[in-house]
Amino acid sequence: MNPKIFILLGRAGCGKGTQADLLVQKFGFFYIGSGDLLRERAKKSDFTGKKIDMQLKAGNLAPSTLLFYLWMRRLEEIKNNRGDDFTGIIFDGSPRRLVEAELLDEALGWYDWQNIKAMLIDISRQESFARLTKRRICQQCGNLIPYVGVYKDITSCDKCGGKLEVRPDDTPEIINVRLDWYESDVLPVVDFYRQGGALIEVNGDQPIEDVQKEILDKIE
């Protein structure tokens, strides 16, 4: 079996996490979300944990060296514990910089995984800003509720029934910082995969079900 590696890219709020969940459910891929890795590491009360927590709350990025270390630990776990039915891996929202794309290419080559595609779920800056200022997160389980389609009207978490609130890092000021960073740092990553013939482009302005259908049409 030749496992597939999918790297999901796009402006914040484009639905990367939602589409990653759907692909994991359908194909059984392993999931690597850099935000999840960082939030988990931030729970430790050492210097790095406390600094990650501070950086995340301020809307700042963790250094590439730290993120790469967390990736490598997770990839090693997957390599050592994958079963015979191993189908592949999804990276949600990473790499975030060109140097990270190059490092990730090296890491995946080290583990003998060569079937790599980057998927751009494309929405405009204006749409991203609108979605981020209105999306919510569950206080109880941390489930992120996108502001799109039927999710606009729900009043409690669709997974656990918990209370919903706006994420503390979804303020207009922090959102604009993240959108500026996308244009300066992530667009070169998109070009990196485009030039390498590994980029799949998807229209993210559609309802969730239509985005999923377009993804499936293009990867199957």
N, C-alpha and C. Protein backbone atom coordinates (compact mmCIF):
# COMPACT_ATOMS: atom_id res chain seq x y z
N MET A 1 0.84 -1.20 0.00
CA MET A 1 0.00 0.00 0.00
C MET A 1 0.88 1.25 0.00
N ASN A 2 0.49 2.24 -0.81
CA ASN A 2 1.22 3.49 -0.88
C ASN A 2 0.42 4.56 -0.15
N PRO A 3 0.72 4.83 1.13
CA PRO A 3 -0.10 5.77 1.90
C PRO A 3 -0.06 7.17 1.30
N LYS A 4 -1.17 7.89 1.46
CA LYS A 4 -1.28 9.23 0.92
C LYS A 4 -1.05 10.25 2.03
N ILE A 5 -0.35 11.31 1.70
CA ILE A 5 -0.12 12.42 2.62
C ILE A 5 -0.82 13.65 2.04
N PHE A 6 -1.78 14.19 2.79
CA PHE A 6 -2.48 15.40 2.36
C PHE A 6 -2.16 16.53 3.33
N ILE A 7 -1.78 17.67 2.77
CA ILE A 7 -1.48 18.87 3.54
C ILE A 7 -2.55 19.90 3.24
N LEU A 8 -3.38 20.22 4.22
CA LEU A 8 -4.48 21.15 3.99
C LEU A 8 -4.04 22.57 4.29
N LEU A 9 -4.21 23.45 3.30
CA LEU A 9 -3.82 24.84 3.41
C LEU A 9 -5.02 25.74 3.12
N GLY A 10 -4.93 26.98 3.57
CA GLY A 10 -5.98 27.95 3.30
C GLY A 10 -6.07 28.96 4.42
N ARG A 11 -6.69 30.08 4.13
CA ARG A 11 -6.87 31.10 5.15
C ARG A 11 -7.66 30.55 6.34
N ALA A 12 -7.42 31.10 7.50
CA ALA A 12 -8.16 30.71 8.69
C ALA A 12 -9.65 30.86 8.43
N GLY A 13 -10.42 29.87 8.87
CA GLY A 13 -11.86 29.91 8.67
C GLY A 13 -12.32 29.26 7.38
N CYS A 14 -11.39 28.74 6.57
CA CYS A 14 -11.77 28.16 5.28
C CYS A 14 -12.41 26.78 5.42
N GLY A 15 -12.29 26.18 6.61
CA GLY A 15 -12.89 24.87 6.82
C GLY A 15 -11.91 23.72 6.77
N LYS A 16 -10.61 24.00 6.95
CA LYS A 16 -9.60 22.94 6.91
C LYS A 16 -9.90 21.85 7.93
N GLY A 17 -10.20 22.26 9.17
CA GLY A 17 -10.44 21.29 10.23
C GLY A 17 -11.65 20.42 9.95
N THR A 18 -12.72 21.04 9.46
CA THR A 18 -13.94 20.30 9.13
C THR A 18 -13.67 19.28 8.03
N GLN A 19 -12.99 19.71 6.97
CA GLN A 19 -12.71 18.79 5.86
C GLN A 19 -11.71 17.71 6.28
N ALA A 20 -10.78 18.04 7.15
CA ALA A 20 -9.85 17.03 7.66
C ALA A 20 -10.61 15.95 8.42
N ASP A 21 -11.56 16.36 9.27
CA ASP A 21 -12.37 15.40 10.02
C ASP A 21 -13.15 14.48 9.08
N LEU A 22 -13.72 15.06 8.04
CA LEU A 22 -14.50 14.26 7.09
C LEU A 22 -13.62 13.24 6.36
N LEU A 23 -12.41 13.65 6.00
CA LEU A 23 -11.49 12.74 5.30
C LEU A 23 -10.99 11.64 6.24
N VAL A 24 -10.75 12.00 7.50
CA VAL A 24 -10.33 11.00 8.49
C VAL A 24 -11.43 9.95 8.65
N GLN A 25 -12.68 10.41 8.75
CA GLN A 25 -13.81 9.49 8.91
C GLN A 25 -13.96 8.57 7.70
N LYS A 26 -13.76 9.13 6.51
CA LYS A 26 -13.99 8.35 5.29
C LYS A 26 -12.86 7.36 5.00
N PHE A 27 -11.60 7.81 5.20
CA PHE A 27 -10.46 7.00 4.77
C PHE A 27 -9.61 6.44 5.91
N GLY A 28 -9.86 6.89 7.14
CA GLY A 28 -9.07 6.39 8.26
C GLY A 28 -7.68 6.97 8.35
N PHE A 29 -7.46 8.15 7.77
CA PHE A 29 -6.15 8.78 7.84
C PHE A 29 -5.78 9.15 9.28
N PHE A 30 -4.49 9.13 9.58
CA PHE A 30 -4.00 9.75 10.81
C PHE A 30 -4.09 11.27 10.65
N TYR A 31 -4.34 11.95 11.75
CA TYR A 31 -4.51 13.41 11.72
C TYR A 31 -3.38 14.08 12.49
N ILE A 32 -2.79 15.11 11.88
CA ILE A 32 -1.79 15.93 12.57
C ILE A 32 -2.22 17.39 12.43
N GLY A 33 -2.69 17.96 13.53
CA GLY A 33 -3.05 19.37 13.57
C GLY A 33 -2.04 20.12 14.40
N SER A 34 -1.32 21.03 13.79
CA SER A 34 -0.27 21.74 14.52
C SER A 34 -0.84 22.51 15.70
N GLY A 35 -2.03 23.11 15.53
CA GLY A 35 -2.64 23.82 16.64
C GLY A 35 -2.91 22.90 17.81
N ASP A 36 -3.40 21.69 17.52
CA ASP A 36 -3.67 20.71 18.58
C ASP A 36 -2.38 20.30 19.28
N LEU A 37 -1.32 20.07 18.49
CA LEU A 37 -0.03 19.69 19.09
C LEU A 37 0.48 20.79 20.02
N LEU A 38 0.34 22.03 19.58
CA LEU A 38 0.82 23.14 20.40
C LEU A 38 -0.03 23.32 21.65
N ARG A 39 -1.34 23.22 21.50
CA ARG A 39 -2.21 23.37 22.68
C ARG A 39 -1.96 22.25 23.69
N GLU A 40 -1.70 21.04 23.22
CA GLU A 40 -1.40 19.94 24.12
C GLU A 40 -0.08 20.18 24.84
N ARG A 41 0.92 20.66 24.09
CA ARG A 41 2.23 20.95 24.72
C ARG A 41 2.12 22.09 25.71
N ALA A 42 1.21 23.03 25.46
CA ALA A 42 1.04 24.19 26.34
C ALA A 42 0.48 23.81 27.71
N LYS A 43 -0.05 22.59 27.84
CA LYS A 43 -0.61 22.16 29.12
C LYS A 43 0.47 21.87 30.16
N LYS A 44 1.71 21.64 29.69
CA LYS A 44 2.80 21.40 30.63
C LYS A 44 3.23 22.72 31.27
N SER A 45 3.51 22.68 32.54
CA SER A 45 3.80 23.92 33.28
C SER A 45 5.29 24.24 33.30
N ASP A 46 6.03 23.83 32.25
CA ASP A 46 7.44 24.18 32.17
C ASP A 46 7.58 25.47 31.35
N PHE A 47 8.82 25.88 31.10
CA PHE A 47 9.04 27.14 30.38
C PHE A 47 8.38 27.13 29.01
N THR A 48 8.61 26.07 28.24
CA THR A 48 8.07 26.02 26.88
C THR A 48 6.55 25.98 26.89
N GLY A 49 5.97 25.19 27.80
CA GLY A 49 4.51 25.13 27.88
C GLY A 49 3.90 26.48 28.18
N LYS A 50 4.48 27.19 29.14
CA LYS A 50 3.96 28.50 29.51
C LYS A 50 4.13 29.51 28.38
N LYS A 51 5.27 29.43 27.67
CA LYS A 51 5.50 30.39 26.59
C LYS A 51 4.59 30.10 25.40
N ILE A 52 4.35 28.82 25.10
CA ILE A 52 3.41 28.50 24.02
C ILE A 52 2.03 29.05 24.36
N ASP A 53 1.60 28.86 25.60
CA ASP A 53 0.29 29.36 26.02
C ASP A 53 0.19 30.87 25.83
N MET A 54 1.24 31.56 26.21
CA MET A 54 1.27 33.02 26.07
C MET A 54 1.23 33.43 24.60
N GLN A 55 1.99 32.73 23.77
CA GLN A 55 2.04 33.06 22.34
C GLN A 55 0.70 32.80 21.67
N LEU A 56 0.07 31.69 22.00
CA LEU A 56 -1.22 31.36 21.40
C LEU A 56 -2.28 32.39 21.77
N LYS A 57 -2.30 32.79 23.02
CA LYS A 57 -3.29 33.77 23.47
C LYS A 57 -3.07 35.13 22.81
N ALA A 58 -1.83 35.42 22.44
CA ALA A 58 -1.53 36.68 21.77
C ALA A 58 -1.69 36.59 20.26
N GLY A 59 -1.99 35.40 19.76
CA GLY A 59 -2.15 35.22 18.32
C GLY A 59 -0.84 35.13 17.58
N ASN A 60 0.26 34.85 18.30
CA ASN A 60 1.58 34.75 17.68
C ASN A 60 1.89 33.32 17.28
N LEU A 61 2.89 33.15 16.43
CA LEU A 61 3.29 31.83 15.97
C LEU A 61 4.39 31.26 16.85
N ALA A 62 4.33 29.95 17.06
CA ALA A 62 5.44 29.25 17.70
C ALA A 62 6.58 29.12 16.69
N PRO A 63 7.82 29.01 17.16
CA PRO A 63 8.94 28.90 16.22
C PRO A 63 8.88 27.61 15.41
N SER A 64 9.41 27.66 14.20
CA SER A 64 9.40 26.50 13.32
C SER A 64 10.16 25.32 13.94
N THR A 65 11.22 25.61 14.68
CA THR A 65 12.00 24.53 15.29
C THR A 65 11.16 23.72 16.27
N LEU A 66 10.34 24.41 17.08
CA LEU A 66 9.49 23.73 18.03
C LEU A 66 8.41 22.93 17.30
N LEU A 67 7.79 23.53 16.31
CA LEU A 67 6.75 22.84 15.56
C LEU A 67 7.31 21.61 14.87
N PHE A 68 8.50 21.73 14.30
CA PHE A 68 9.12 20.60 13.61
C PHE A 68 9.41 19.46 14.60
N TYR A 69 9.86 19.81 15.80
CA TYR A 69 10.09 18.80 16.83
C TYR A 69 8.80 18.04 17.16
N LEU A 70 7.70 18.77 17.30
CA LEU A 70 6.42 18.14 17.60
C LEU A 70 5.95 17.26 16.44
N TRP A 71 6.16 17.72 15.20
CA TRP A 71 5.82 16.90 14.04
C TRP A 71 6.59 15.58 14.05
N MET A 72 7.90 15.68 14.27
CA MET A 72 8.75 14.50 14.21
C MET A 72 8.35 13.47 15.26
N ARG A 73 8.00 13.93 16.45
CA ARG A 73 7.55 13.00 17.49
C ARG A 73 6.28 12.28 17.05
N ARG A 74 5.35 13.04 16.46
CA ARG A 74 4.09 12.43 16.02
C ARG A 74 4.32 11.49 14.84
N LEU A 75 5.16 11.87 13.89
CA LEU A 75 5.44 11.00 12.75
C LEU A 75 6.11 9.71 13.19
N GLU A 76 7.00 9.80 14.16
CA GLU A 76 7.66 8.60 14.68
C GLU A 76 6.63 7.67 15.33
N GLU A 77 5.70 8.25 16.10
CA GLU A 77 4.63 7.44 16.71
C GLU A 77 3.82 6.72 15.64
N ILE A 78 3.46 7.45 14.59
CA ILE A 78 2.65 6.86 13.52
C ILE A 78 3.43 5.75 12.82
N LYS A 79 4.71 6.01 12.51
CA LYS A 79 5.53 5.02 11.80
C LYS A 79 5.63 3.72 12.60
N ASN A 80 5.79 3.85 13.91
CA ASN A 80 5.99 2.68 14.76
C ASN A 80 4.70 1.95 15.12
N ASN A 81 3.56 2.64 15.03
CA ASN A 81 2.31 2.07 15.50
C ASN A 81 1.24 1.92 14.41
N ARG A 82 1.59 2.22 13.17
CA ARG A 82 0.61 2.09 12.10
C ARG A 82 0.26 0.62 11.91
N GLY A 83 -0.95 0.35 11.53
CA GLY A 83 -1.37 -1.02 11.27
C GLY A 83 -1.24 -1.36 9.79
N ASP A 84 -1.62 -2.56 9.46
CA ASP A 84 -1.56 -3.00 8.06
C ASP A 84 -2.54 -2.23 7.19
N ASP A 85 -3.55 -1.62 7.84
CA ASP A 85 -4.55 -0.87 7.10
C ASP A 85 -4.22 0.62 7.02
N PHE A 86 -2.97 0.98 7.26
CA PHE A 86 -2.53 2.38 7.23
C PHE A 86 -2.78 2.98 5.86
N THR A 87 -3.60 4.05 5.82
CA THR A 87 -3.96 4.66 4.53
C THR A 87 -3.25 5.98 4.28
N GLY A 88 -2.85 6.69 5.33
CA GLY A 88 -2.16 7.95 5.11
C GLY A 88 -2.32 8.91 6.28
N ILE A 89 -1.92 10.16 6.02
CA ILE A 89 -1.87 11.19 7.06
C ILE A 89 -2.44 12.49 6.49
N ILE A 90 -3.13 13.22 7.32
CA ILE A 90 -3.58 14.57 6.97
C ILE A 90 -2.90 15.57 7.89
N PHE A 91 -2.26 16.58 7.32
CA PHE A 91 -1.73 17.72 8.07
C PHE A 91 -2.72 18.87 7.93
N ASP A 92 -3.18 19.35 9.05
CA ASP A 92 -4.19 20.41 9.06
C ASP A 92 -3.53 21.77 9.32
N GLY A 93 -3.43 22.58 8.25
CA GLY A 93 -2.95 23.95 8.41
C GLY A 93 -1.45 24.12 8.52
N SER A 94 -0.70 23.13 8.17
CA SER A 94 0.76 23.22 8.19
C SER A 94 1.27 22.58 6.92
N PRO A 95 2.46 23.01 6.49
CA PRO A 95 3.40 23.99 7.05
C PRO A 95 2.93 25.43 6.85
N ARG A 96 3.48 26.32 7.71
CA ARG A 96 3.04 27.71 7.72
C ARG A 96 4.06 28.65 7.10
N ARG A 97 5.25 28.15 6.86
CA ARG A 97 6.32 28.95 6.25
C ARG A 97 7.05 28.08 5.23
N LEU A 98 7.75 28.75 4.30
CA LEU A 98 8.46 28.00 3.26
C LEU A 98 9.50 27.06 3.86
N VAL A 99 10.23 27.51 4.86
CA VAL A 99 11.24 26.64 5.48
C VAL A 99 10.59 25.41 6.10
N GLU A 100 9.37 25.56 6.62
CA GLU A 100 8.67 24.41 7.20
C GLU A 100 8.25 23.42 6.12
N ALA A 101 7.85 23.93 4.96
CA ALA A 101 7.49 23.05 3.85
C ALA A 101 8.70 22.21 3.42
N GLU A 102 9.85 22.85 3.37
CA GLU A 102 11.07 22.13 2.98
C GLU A 102 11.46 21.11 4.04
N LEU A 103 11.33 21.47 5.32
CA LEU A 103 11.65 20.54 6.40
C LEU A 103 10.67 19.37 6.42
N LEU A 104 9.40 19.66 6.18
CA LEU A 104 8.40 18.59 6.18
C LEU A 104 8.65 17.63 5.03
N ASP A 105 9.05 18.14 3.88
CA ASP A 105 9.40 17.27 2.76
C ASP A 105 10.53 16.31 3.15
N GLU A 106 11.54 16.84 3.84
CA GLU A 106 12.65 16.01 4.30
C GLU A 106 12.17 14.95 5.28
N ALA A 107 11.33 15.37 6.24
CA ALA A 107 10.85 14.45 7.26
C ALA A 107 10.03 13.32 6.64
N LEU A 108 9.14 13.65 5.73
CA LEU A 108 8.32 12.62 5.10
C LEU A 108 9.18 11.68 4.26
N GLY A 109 10.21 12.22 3.62
CA GLY A 109 11.14 11.37 2.89
C GLY A 109 11.89 10.42 3.81
N TRP A 110 12.25 10.91 4.99
CA TRP A 110 12.94 10.07 5.98
C TRP A 110 12.10 8.85 6.35
N TYR A 111 10.78 9.05 6.45
CA TYR A 111 9.89 7.95 6.81
C TYR A 111 9.36 7.19 5.59
N ASP A 112 9.94 7.47 4.41
CA ASP A 112 9.61 6.76 3.18
C ASP A 112 8.18 6.99 2.72
N TRP A 113 7.68 8.19 2.96
CA TRP A 113 6.35 8.57 2.49
C TRP A 113 6.51 9.62 1.39
N GLN A 114 6.18 9.23 0.17
CA GLN A 114 6.46 10.08 -0.99
C GLN A 114 5.21 10.59 -1.70
N ASN A 115 4.06 10.00 -1.42
CA ASN A 115 2.82 10.34 -2.13
C ASN A 115 2.17 11.55 -1.45
N ILE A 116 2.67 12.74 -1.74
CA ILE A 116 2.31 13.96 -1.01
C ILE A 116 1.53 14.91 -1.91
N LYS A 117 0.39 15.38 -1.42
CA LYS A 117 -0.39 16.39 -2.12
C LYS A 117 -0.77 17.49 -1.12
N ALA A 118 -0.69 18.74 -1.57
CA ALA A 118 -1.17 19.87 -0.78
C ALA A 118 -2.51 20.30 -1.35
N MET A 119 -3.46 20.56 -0.46
CA MET A 119 -4.80 20.93 -0.88
C MET A 119 -5.12 22.33 -0.37
N LEU A 120 -5.32 23.27 -1.28
CA LEU A 120 -5.67 24.64 -0.93
C LEU A 120 -7.18 24.81 -0.95
N ILE A 121 -7.78 25.03 0.23
CA ILE A 121 -9.20 25.36 0.31
C ILE A 121 -9.29 26.87 0.30
N ASP A 122 -9.62 27.42 -0.85
CA ASP A 122 -9.42 28.83 -1.10
C ASP A 122 -10.66 29.67 -0.81
N ILE A 123 -10.51 30.65 0.09
CA ILE A 123 -11.53 31.67 0.32
C ILE A 123 -10.82 33.02 0.34
N SER A 124 -11.59 34.09 0.13
CA SER A 124 -11.00 35.43 0.11
C SER A 124 -10.67 35.90 1.51
N ARG A 125 -9.88 36.95 1.61
CA ARG A 125 -9.58 37.55 2.90
C ARG A 125 -10.86 38.06 3.56
N GLN A 126 -11.73 38.66 2.79
CA GLN A 126 -12.97 39.21 3.34
C GLN A 126 -13.85 38.11 3.93
N GLU A 127 -13.96 37.00 3.22
CA GLU A 127 -14.76 35.88 3.71
C GLU A 127 -14.13 35.27 4.96
N SER A 128 -12.81 35.16 4.97
CA SER A 128 -12.12 34.64 6.14
C SER A 128 -12.39 35.49 7.37
N PHE A 129 -12.29 36.80 7.22
CA PHE A 129 -12.53 37.71 8.35
C PHE A 129 -13.97 37.56 8.86
N ALA A 130 -14.92 37.48 7.95
CA ALA A 130 -16.33 37.37 8.34
C ALA A 130 -16.58 36.07 9.11
N ARG A 131 -15.99 34.99 8.63
CA ARG A 131 -16.20 33.70 9.31
C ARG A 131 -15.54 33.67 10.68
N LEU A 132 -14.33 34.22 10.79
CA LEU A 132 -13.59 34.13 12.05
C LEU A 132 -14.23 34.97 13.15
N THR A 133 -14.80 36.10 12.79
CA THR A 133 -15.40 36.95 13.82
C THR A 133 -16.71 36.36 14.34
N LYS A 134 -17.24 35.34 13.64
CA LYS A 134 -18.53 34.78 14.04
C LYS A 134 -18.47 33.31 14.46
N ARG A 135 -17.34 32.64 14.23
CA ARG A 135 -17.28 31.23 14.62
C ARG A 135 -17.18 31.11 16.14
N ARG A 136 -17.49 29.91 16.65
CA ARG A 136 -17.52 29.70 18.09
C ARG A 136 -16.83 28.39 18.45
N ILE A 137 -16.53 28.23 19.74
CA ILE A 137 -15.88 27.03 20.24
C ILE A 137 -16.64 26.53 21.46
N CYS A 138 -16.70 25.22 21.63
CA CYS A 138 -17.40 24.63 22.76
C CYS A 138 -16.56 24.76 24.03
N GLN A 139 -17.14 25.30 25.09
CA GLN A 139 -16.44 25.45 26.36
C GLN A 139 -16.08 24.10 26.97
N GLN A 140 -16.87 23.09 26.65
CA GLN A 140 -16.72 21.79 27.31
C GLN A 140 -15.70 20.88 26.61
N CYS A 141 -15.85 20.69 25.29
CA CYS A 141 -14.99 19.72 24.59
C CYS A 141 -14.00 20.36 23.62
N GLY A 142 -14.12 21.67 23.39
CA GLY A 142 -13.20 22.35 22.50
C GLY A 142 -13.54 22.23 21.03
N ASN A 143 -14.68 21.66 20.70
CA ASN A 143 -15.11 21.53 19.31
C ASN A 143 -15.29 22.91 18.69
N LEU A 144 -14.65 23.14 17.53
CA LEU A 144 -14.73 24.43 16.86
C LEU A 144 -15.91 24.42 15.88
N ILE A 145 -16.81 25.39 16.03
CA ILE A 145 -18.02 25.47 15.21
C ILE A 145 -17.82 26.52 14.13
N PRO A 146 -17.71 26.11 12.86
CA PRO A 146 -17.50 27.09 11.78
C PRO A 146 -18.75 27.92 11.55
N TYR A 147 -18.56 29.13 11.03
CA TYR A 147 -19.71 29.96 10.68
C TYR A 147 -19.99 29.78 9.20
N VAL A 148 -20.61 28.65 8.89
CA VAL A 148 -20.91 28.32 7.49
C VAL A 148 -22.06 27.33 7.47
N GLY A 149 -22.93 27.44 6.48
CA GLY A 149 -24.01 26.49 6.30
C GLY A 149 -24.91 26.35 7.52
N VAL A 150 -25.28 25.11 7.84
CA VAL A 150 -26.20 24.85 8.94
C VAL A 150 -25.59 25.20 10.30
N TYR A 151 -24.27 25.30 10.37
CA TYR A 151 -23.62 25.59 11.65
C TYR A 151 -23.87 27.02 12.12
N LYS A 152 -24.33 27.88 11.22
CA LYS A 152 -24.61 29.27 11.61
C LYS A 152 -25.72 29.34 12.65
N ASP A 153 -26.62 28.38 12.64
CA ASP A 153 -27.84 28.48 13.44
C ASP A 153 -27.81 27.64 14.72
N ILE A 154 -26.78 26.82 14.94
CA ILE A 154 -26.80 25.98 16.13
C ILE A 154 -26.47 26.81 17.37
N THR A 155 -27.07 26.44 18.49
CA THR A 155 -26.91 27.20 19.73
C THR A 155 -26.13 26.45 20.80
N SER A 156 -25.82 25.17 20.55
CA SER A 156 -25.00 24.39 21.47
C SER A 156 -24.14 23.43 20.67
N CYS A 157 -23.13 22.88 21.30
CA CYS A 157 -22.18 22.00 20.60
C CYS A 157 -22.89 20.80 20.00
N ASP A 158 -22.61 20.52 18.71
CA ASP A 158 -23.24 19.40 18.04
C ASP A 158 -22.63 18.07 18.43
N LYS A 159 -21.53 18.10 19.20
CA LYS A 159 -20.89 16.85 19.63
C LYS A 159 -21.26 16.49 21.08
N CYS A 160 -21.24 17.49 21.97
CA CYS A 160 -21.47 17.17 23.39
C CYS A 160 -22.59 17.99 24.02
N GLY A 161 -23.15 18.95 23.28
CA GLY A 161 -24.20 19.78 23.83
C GLY A 161 -23.72 20.92 24.70
N GLY A 162 -22.41 21.13 24.74
CA GLY A 162 -21.83 22.17 25.59
C GLY A 162 -22.13 23.58 25.11
N LYS A 163 -21.84 24.53 26.01
CA LYS A 163 -22.08 25.94 25.72
C LYS A 163 -21.03 26.46 24.73
N LEU A 164 -21.47 27.32 23.80
CA LEU A 164 -20.58 27.87 22.79
C LEU A 164 -20.16 29.29 23.15
N GLU A 165 -18.92 29.63 22.79
CA GLU A 165 -18.41 30.98 23.01
C GLU A 165 -17.45 31.34 21.89
N VAL A 166 -17.19 32.63 21.73
CA VAL A 166 -16.20 33.09 20.75
C VAL A 166 -14.81 32.75 21.27
N ARG A 167 -13.93 32.27 20.38
CA ARG A 167 -12.57 31.97 20.80
C ARG A 167 -11.86 33.23 21.25
N PRO A 168 -11.07 33.15 22.34
CA PRO A 168 -10.40 34.36 22.83
C PRO A 168 -9.41 34.96 21.85
N ASP A 169 -8.89 34.15 20.90
CA ASP A 169 -7.94 34.67 19.92
C ASP A 169 -8.62 35.03 18.59
N ASP A 170 -9.96 35.15 18.60
CA ASP A 170 -10.68 35.55 17.39
C ASP A 170 -11.17 37.00 17.51
N THR A 171 -10.31 37.87 17.98
CA THR A 171 -10.63 39.30 17.99
C THR A 171 -10.26 39.89 16.62
N PRO A 172 -10.90 40.99 16.19
CA PRO A 172 -10.56 41.58 14.89
C PRO A 172 -9.08 41.90 14.73
N GLU A 173 -8.44 42.38 15.80
CA GLU A 173 -7.03 42.75 15.71
C GLU A 173 -6.16 41.52 15.45
N ILE A 174 -6.42 40.45 16.21
CA ILE A 174 -5.62 39.23 16.05
C ILE A 174 -5.92 38.58 14.71
N ILE A 175 -7.17 38.60 14.29
CA ILE A 175 -7.54 38.02 12.99
C ILE A 175 -6.79 38.71 11.86
N ASN A 176 -6.72 40.04 11.89
CA ASN A 176 -6.01 40.77 10.83
C ASN A 176 -4.53 40.45 10.83
N VAL A 177 -3.95 40.25 12.02
CA VAL A 177 -2.54 39.84 12.09
C VAL A 177 -2.37 38.49 11.41
N ARG A 178 -3.27 37.56 11.68
CA ARG A 178 -3.17 36.22 11.09
C ARG A 178 -3.36 36.26 9.58
N LEU A 179 -4.27 37.13 9.10
CA LEU A 179 -4.49 37.22 7.66
C LEU A 179 -3.31 37.88 6.96
N ASP A 180 -2.68 38.87 7.60
CA ASP A 180 -1.47 39.47 7.03
C ASP A 180 -0.37 38.42 6.94
N TRP A 181 -0.25 37.63 8.01
CA TRP A 181 0.78 36.59 8.04
C TRP A 181 0.54 35.54 6.95
N TYR A 182 -0.72 35.20 6.68
CA TYR A 182 -1.03 34.24 5.63
C TYR A 182 -0.48 34.73 4.29
N GLU A 183 -0.70 36.00 4.01
CA GLU A 183 -0.27 36.54 2.73
C GLU A 183 1.25 36.63 2.62
N SER A 184 1.92 36.93 3.72
CA SER A 184 3.37 37.08 3.66
C SER A 184 4.12 35.75 3.77
N ASP A 185 3.56 34.79 4.54
CA ASP A 185 4.30 33.56 4.83
C ASP A 185 3.71 32.30 4.19
N VAL A 186 2.38 32.19 4.18
CA VAL A 186 1.77 30.94 3.72
C VAL A 186 1.64 30.89 2.19
N LEU A 187 1.37 32.03 1.55
CA LEU A 187 1.25 32.02 0.09
C LEU A 187 2.52 31.50 -0.59
N PRO A 188 3.73 31.80 -0.09
CA PRO A 188 4.92 31.16 -0.67
C PRO A 188 4.91 29.64 -0.52
N VAL A 189 4.30 29.12 0.55
CA VAL A 189 4.16 27.67 0.72
C VAL A 189 3.24 27.11 -0.36
N VAL A 190 2.13 27.82 -0.61
CA VAL A 190 1.20 27.40 -1.67
C VAL A 190 1.93 27.35 -3.00
N ASP A 191 2.75 28.37 -3.30
CA ASP A 191 3.51 28.40 -4.55
C ASP A 191 4.52 27.27 -4.61
N PHE A 192 5.11 26.92 -3.47
CA PHE A 192 6.08 25.82 -3.39
C PHE A 192 5.44 24.52 -3.88
N TYR A 193 4.25 24.22 -3.41
CA TYR A 193 3.57 22.99 -3.83
C TYR A 193 3.03 23.11 -5.24
N ARG A 194 2.59 24.31 -5.63
CA ARG A 194 2.10 24.50 -7.00
C ARG A 194 3.23 24.26 -8.00
N GLN A 195 4.38 24.83 -7.74
CA GLN A 195 5.52 24.67 -8.65
C GLN A 195 6.01 23.22 -8.70
N GLY A 196 5.81 22.49 -7.61
CA GLY A 196 6.20 21.09 -7.57
C GLY A 196 5.15 20.15 -8.14
N GLY A 197 4.04 20.72 -8.65
CA GLY A 197 2.98 19.90 -9.24
C GLY A 197 2.19 19.10 -8.22
N ALA A 198 2.22 19.53 -6.95
CA ALA A 198 1.56 18.77 -5.88
C ALA A 198 0.34 19.48 -5.32
N LEU A 199 -0.10 20.58 -5.95
CA LEU A 199 -1.18 21.38 -5.38
C LEU A 199 -2.54 21.03 -5.99
N ILE A 200 -3.52 20.82 -5.12
CA ILE A 200 -4.92 20.66 -5.51
C ILE A 200 -5.68 21.88 -5.00
N GLU A 201 -6.39 22.59 -5.88
CA GLU A 201 -7.12 23.79 -5.48
C GLU A 201 -8.62 23.52 -5.42
N VAL A 202 -9.23 23.96 -4.32
CA VAL A 202 -10.64 23.70 -4.06
C VAL A 202 -11.32 25.02 -3.72
N ASN A 203 -12.52 25.23 -4.22
CA ASN A 203 -13.30 26.43 -3.93
C ASN A 203 -13.91 26.31 -2.54
N GLY A 204 -13.41 27.09 -1.57
CA GLY A 204 -13.89 27.02 -0.20
C GLY A 204 -15.11 27.86 0.08
N ASP A 205 -15.61 28.61 -0.91
CA ASP A 205 -16.79 29.45 -0.70
C ASP A 205 -18.09 28.67 -0.78
N GLN A 206 -18.02 27.38 -1.07
CA GLN A 206 -19.21 26.54 -1.19
C GLN A 206 -19.65 26.03 0.19
N PRO A 207 -20.87 25.50 0.28
CA PRO A 207 -21.28 24.79 1.50
C PRO A 207 -20.33 23.62 1.79
N ILE A 208 -20.27 23.20 3.05
CA ILE A 208 -19.34 22.16 3.48
C ILE A 208 -19.47 20.90 2.62
N GLU A 209 -20.70 20.48 2.34
CA GLU A 209 -20.92 19.25 1.57
C GLU A 209 -20.37 19.38 0.15
N ASP A 210 -20.50 20.55 -0.44
CA ASP A 210 -19.99 20.76 -1.80
C ASP A 210 -18.47 20.83 -1.83
N VAL A 211 -17.88 21.42 -0.78
CA VAL A 211 -16.42 21.42 -0.69
C VAL A 211 -15.92 19.99 -0.59
N GLN A 212 -16.57 19.19 0.25
CA GLN A 212 -16.17 17.79 0.38
C GLN A 212 -16.28 17.04 -0.94
N LYS A 213 -17.38 17.28 -1.66
CA LYS A 213 -17.57 16.58 -2.95
C LYS A 213 -16.46 16.96 -3.92
N GLU A 214 -16.11 18.24 -3.98
CA GLU A 214 -15.04 18.66 -4.89
C GLU A 214 -13.71 18.02 -4.50
N ILE A 215 -13.45 17.96 -3.19
CA ILE A 215 -12.22 17.31 -2.72
C ILE A 215 -12.18 15.86 -3.14
N LEU A 216 -13.27 15.14 -2.89
CA LEU A 216 -13.31 13.72 -3.23
C LEU A 216 -13.17 13.50 -4.72
N ASP A 217 -13.81 14.35 -5.51
CA ASP A 217 -13.70 14.24 -6.97
C ASP A 217 -12.25 14.39 -7.43
N LYS A 218 -11.51 15.28 -6.74
CA LYS A 218 -10.15 15.57 -7.18
C LYS A 218 -9.10 14.60 -6.63
N ILE A 219 -9.40 13.93 -5.52
CA ILE A 219 -8.40 13.01 -4.98
C ILE A 219 -8.68 11.56 -5.34
N GLU A 220 -9.91 11.27 -5.77
CA GLU A 220 -10.23 9.89 -6.10
C GLU A 220 -10.17 9.63 -7.61
